[in-house]
Amino acid sequence: MHRGNVSTSQESMSYYVRNRNSLLKDLDKVSRHVRKVLESEMDASQVNQIVTESRKEYDRIIPMIPDIQGRRIHFISIWLAAHGCWP
């Protein structure tokens, strides 16, 4: 069954899974800034490892992010950012 351009399988996916590529691109943007800071403290191979492992872990946990929808998402995003959990 289809509703508009969204298939049933897409409807069952969370917002975060549907937007995985965009979220990973956002992380990549943040990582470029973090990379600069880290490179002032450690060698490039360590920085590459941290950035690579962080991206893999973020990609792994995207399906685990609860899809709470609605107005609460704005509050949750602010809360996560304030606690250093959101890029």
N, C-alpha and C. Protein backbone atom coordinates (compact mmCIF):
# COMPACT_ATOMS: atom_id res chain seq x y z
N MET A 1 0.84 -1.18 0.00
CA MET A 1 0.00 0.00 0.00
C MET A 1 0.88 1.24 0.00
N HIS A 2 0.49 2.24 -0.75
CA HIS A 2 1.25 3.48 -0.83
C HIS A 2 0.38 4.65 -0.41
N ARG A 3 0.98 5.55 0.28
CA ARG A 3 0.33 6.82 0.63
C ARG A 3 1.17 7.92 0.02
N GLY A 4 0.70 8.47 -1.06
CA GLY A 4 1.49 9.49 -1.74
C GLY A 4 2.75 8.85 -2.28
N ASN A 5 3.90 9.46 -1.97
CA ASN A 5 5.19 8.95 -2.44
C ASN A 5 5.90 8.12 -1.39
N VAL A 6 5.25 7.85 -0.27
CA VAL A 6 5.89 7.13 0.82
C VAL A 6 5.37 5.71 0.86
N SER A 7 6.25 4.73 0.75
CA SER A 7 5.82 3.34 0.80
C SER A 7 5.59 2.91 2.24
N THR A 8 4.92 1.79 2.41
CA THR A 8 4.64 1.27 3.74
C THR A 8 5.93 1.01 4.50
N SER A 9 6.93 0.47 3.81
CA SER A 9 8.20 0.19 4.50
C SER A 9 8.86 1.48 4.97
N GLN A 10 8.74 2.55 4.20
CA GLN A 10 9.30 3.83 4.62
C GLN A 10 8.52 4.40 5.80
N GLU A 11 7.21 4.17 5.81
CA GLU A 11 6.39 4.67 6.92
C GLU A 11 6.79 4.03 8.23
N SER A 12 7.21 2.76 8.19
CA SER A 12 7.58 2.07 9.41
C SER A 12 8.98 2.43 9.89
N MET A 13 9.80 3.04 9.02
CA MET A 13 11.14 3.45 9.42
C MET A 13 11.06 4.74 10.22
N SER A 14 11.94 4.88 11.17
CA SER A 14 11.97 6.11 11.95
C SER A 14 12.49 7.27 11.11
N TYR A 15 12.23 8.45 11.57
CA TYR A 15 12.73 9.67 10.92
C TYR A 15 14.24 9.57 10.73
N TYR A 16 14.93 9.07 11.72
CA TYR A 16 16.39 9.04 11.69
C TYR A 16 16.91 8.03 10.68
N VAL A 17 16.27 6.89 10.56
CA VAL A 17 16.68 5.90 9.57
C VAL A 17 16.41 6.44 8.17
N ARG A 18 15.25 7.06 7.97
CA ARG A 18 14.93 7.63 6.66
C ARG A 18 15.91 8.72 6.27
N ASN A 19 16.47 9.42 7.26
CA ASN A 19 17.37 10.54 7.01
C ASN A 19 18.81 10.23 7.35
N ARG A 20 19.16 8.95 7.37
CA ARG A 20 20.50 8.50 7.74
C ARG A 20 21.59 9.24 6.95
N ASN A 21 21.46 9.32 5.64
CA ASN A 21 22.50 9.96 4.83
C ASN A 21 22.69 11.42 5.21
N SER A 22 21.60 12.12 5.45
CA SER A 22 21.69 13.53 5.85
C SER A 22 22.36 13.66 7.22
N LEU A 23 22.00 12.78 8.13
CA LEU A 23 22.61 12.81 9.46
C LEU A 23 24.11 12.55 9.39
N LEU A 24 24.50 11.60 8.55
CA LEU A 24 25.92 11.30 8.41
C LEU A 24 26.67 12.46 7.76
N LYS A 25 26.03 13.14 6.81
CA LYS A 25 26.66 14.32 6.21
C LYS A 25 26.84 15.42 7.25
N ASP A 26 25.83 15.59 8.12
CA ASP A 26 25.95 16.58 9.20
C ASP A 26 27.11 16.22 10.14
N LEU A 27 27.23 14.94 10.46
CA LEU A 27 28.33 14.49 11.31
C LEU A 27 29.67 14.77 10.63
N ASP A 28 29.74 14.53 9.34
CA ASP A 28 30.98 14.78 8.60
C ASP A 28 31.38 16.25 8.66
N LYS A 29 30.39 17.15 8.61
CA LYS A 29 30.67 18.59 8.72
C LYS A 29 31.24 18.92 10.09
N VAL A 30 30.62 18.37 11.12
CA VAL A 30 31.10 18.60 12.48
C VAL A 30 32.50 18.00 12.66
N SER A 31 32.70 16.83 12.08
CA SER A 31 33.99 16.14 12.22
C SER A 31 35.14 16.94 11.63
N ARG A 32 34.86 17.69 10.57
CA ARG A 32 35.93 18.52 9.99
C ARG A 32 36.43 19.54 11.00
N HIS A 33 35.53 20.11 11.79
CA HIS A 33 35.92 21.08 12.81
C HIS A 33 36.62 20.39 13.99
N VAL A 34 36.08 19.26 14.39
CA VAL A 34 36.67 18.50 15.49
C VAL A 34 38.06 18.02 15.11
N ARG A 35 38.21 17.61 13.86
CA ARG A 35 39.50 17.13 13.36
C ARG A 35 40.59 18.18 13.59
N LYS A 36 40.27 19.44 13.30
CA LYS A 36 41.25 20.52 13.46
C LYS A 36 41.70 20.63 14.92
N VAL A 37 40.77 20.52 15.82
CA VAL A 37 41.11 20.60 17.25
C VAL A 37 41.95 19.40 17.66
N LEU A 38 41.53 18.21 17.25
CA LEU A 38 42.26 17.00 17.62
C LEU A 38 43.67 16.98 17.04
N GLU A 39 43.82 17.47 15.81
CA GLU A 39 45.14 17.45 15.19
C GLU A 39 46.15 18.33 15.91
N SER A 40 45.65 19.29 16.69
CA SER A 40 46.58 20.11 17.48
C SER A 40 47.06 19.37 18.73
N GLU A 41 46.40 18.26 19.05
CA GLU A 41 46.72 17.51 20.27
C GLU A 41 47.31 16.12 20.02
N MET A 42 47.12 15.56 18.82
CA MET A 42 47.58 14.20 18.56
C MET A 42 47.93 14.04 17.09
N ASP A 43 48.56 12.92 16.75
CA ASP A 43 48.98 12.73 15.36
C ASP A 43 47.80 12.37 14.46
N ALA A 44 48.01 12.55 13.16
CA ALA A 44 46.96 12.39 12.17
C ALA A 44 46.36 10.98 12.15
N SER A 45 47.16 9.96 12.38
CA SER A 45 46.63 8.60 12.35
C SER A 45 45.63 8.37 13.49
N GLN A 46 45.94 8.92 14.67
CA GLN A 46 45.00 8.81 15.79
C GLN A 46 43.70 9.56 15.48
N VAL A 47 43.82 10.74 14.91
CA VAL A 47 42.65 11.54 14.56
C VAL A 47 41.80 10.80 13.54
N ASN A 48 42.44 10.24 12.51
CA ASN A 48 41.71 9.48 11.50
C ASN A 48 40.96 8.31 12.12
N GLN A 49 41.61 7.63 13.04
CA GLN A 49 40.97 6.50 13.70
C GLN A 49 39.75 6.95 14.51
N ILE A 50 39.89 8.03 15.24
CA ILE A 50 38.78 8.54 16.05
C ILE A 50 37.61 8.95 15.16
N VAL A 51 37.90 9.69 14.10
CA VAL A 51 36.84 10.16 13.20
C VAL A 51 36.15 8.97 12.52
N THR A 52 36.94 8.02 12.04
CA THR A 52 36.39 6.85 11.35
C THR A 52 35.53 6.01 12.29
N GLU A 53 36.03 5.73 13.48
CA GLU A 53 35.29 4.92 14.45
C GLU A 53 34.03 5.64 14.93
N SER A 54 34.13 6.96 15.11
CA SER A 54 32.97 7.73 15.55
C SER A 54 31.86 7.67 14.51
N ARG A 55 32.23 7.80 13.24
CA ARG A 55 31.23 7.75 12.17
C ARG A 55 30.57 6.37 12.10
N LYS A 56 31.36 5.32 12.21
CA LYS A 56 30.81 3.96 12.20
C LYS A 56 29.84 3.75 13.36
N GLU A 57 30.23 4.22 14.53
CA GLU A 57 29.38 4.05 15.71
C GLU A 57 28.09 4.86 15.58
N TYR A 58 28.20 6.08 15.07
CA TYR A 58 27.01 6.91 14.87
C TYR A 58 26.07 6.23 13.89
N ASP A 59 26.61 5.70 12.79
CA ASP A 59 25.79 5.00 11.81
C ASP A 59 25.12 3.78 12.44
N ARG A 60 25.84 3.10 13.32
CA ARG A 60 25.30 1.91 13.98
C ARG A 60 24.14 2.25 14.91
N ILE A 61 24.23 3.38 15.61
CA ILE A 61 23.19 3.70 16.60
C ILE A 61 22.01 4.49 16.02
N ILE A 62 22.10 4.95 14.79
CA ILE A 62 20.98 5.72 14.21
C ILE A 62 19.65 4.97 14.33
N PRO A 63 19.59 3.68 14.02
CA PRO A 63 18.30 2.98 14.15
C PRO A 63 17.79 2.88 15.59
N MET A 64 18.66 3.12 16.56
CA MET A 64 18.28 3.01 17.97
C MET A 64 17.71 4.31 18.53
N ILE A 65 17.84 5.41 17.78
CA ILE A 65 17.35 6.70 18.26
C ILE A 65 15.83 6.65 18.25
N PRO A 66 15.18 6.92 19.38
CA PRO A 66 13.72 6.85 19.42
C PRO A 66 13.09 7.91 18.52
N ASP A 67 12.06 7.52 17.81
CA ASP A 67 11.34 8.43 16.92
C ASP A 67 10.17 9.01 17.69
N ILE A 68 10.39 10.15 18.34
CA ILE A 68 9.35 10.72 19.20
C ILE A 68 8.45 11.71 18.47
N GLN A 69 8.86 12.19 17.31
CA GLN A 69 8.07 13.06 16.44
C GLN A 69 7.52 14.29 17.17
N GLY A 70 6.95 15.16 16.39
CA GLY A 70 6.25 16.31 16.93
C GLY A 70 7.13 17.36 17.55
N ARG A 71 6.53 18.19 18.39
CA ARG A 71 7.20 19.33 19.00
C ARG A 71 8.28 18.93 19.98
N ARG A 72 8.16 17.75 20.57
CA ARG A 72 9.15 17.32 21.56
C ARG A 72 10.53 17.14 20.95
N ILE A 73 10.61 16.87 19.66
CA ILE A 73 11.91 16.64 19.04
C ILE A 73 12.80 17.87 19.17
N HIS A 74 12.22 19.06 19.10
CA HIS A 74 13.01 20.27 19.23
C HIS A 74 13.64 20.33 20.63
N PHE A 75 12.86 20.04 21.64
CA PHE A 75 13.37 20.04 23.01
C PHE A 75 14.47 18.98 23.16
N ILE A 76 14.23 17.79 22.65
CA ILE A 76 15.20 16.70 22.78
C ILE A 76 16.51 17.07 22.08
N SER A 77 16.42 17.67 20.90
CA SER A 77 17.63 18.08 20.16
C SER A 77 18.44 19.07 20.98
N ILE A 78 17.77 20.04 21.58
CA ILE A 78 18.45 21.03 22.41
C ILE A 78 19.08 20.35 23.63
N TRP A 79 18.33 19.45 24.25
CA TRP A 79 18.84 18.75 25.43
C TRP A 79 20.07 17.92 25.08
N LEU A 80 20.00 17.18 23.96
CA LEU A 80 21.14 16.36 23.55
C LEU A 80 22.36 17.23 23.23
N ALA A 81 22.13 18.33 22.54
CA ALA A 81 23.24 19.23 22.20
C ALA A 81 23.87 19.81 23.46
N ALA A 82 23.04 20.19 24.41
CA ALA A 82 23.54 20.78 25.66
C ALA A 82 24.38 19.79 26.46
N HIS A 83 24.10 18.51 26.28
CA HIS A 83 24.83 17.48 27.01
C HIS A 83 25.93 16.84 26.17
N GLY A 84 26.23 17.46 25.03
CA GLY A 84 27.32 16.98 24.21
C GLY A 84 27.04 15.67 23.49
N CYS A 85 25.77 15.36 23.30
CA CYS A 85 25.41 14.08 22.67
C CYS A 85 24.93 14.24 21.25
N TRP A 86 24.89 15.44 20.75
CA TRP A 86 24.32 15.68 19.43
C TRP A 86 25.20 16.67 18.69
N PRO A 87 25.49 16.37 17.43
CA PRO A 87 26.37 17.29 16.67
C PRO A 87 25.70 18.62 16.38
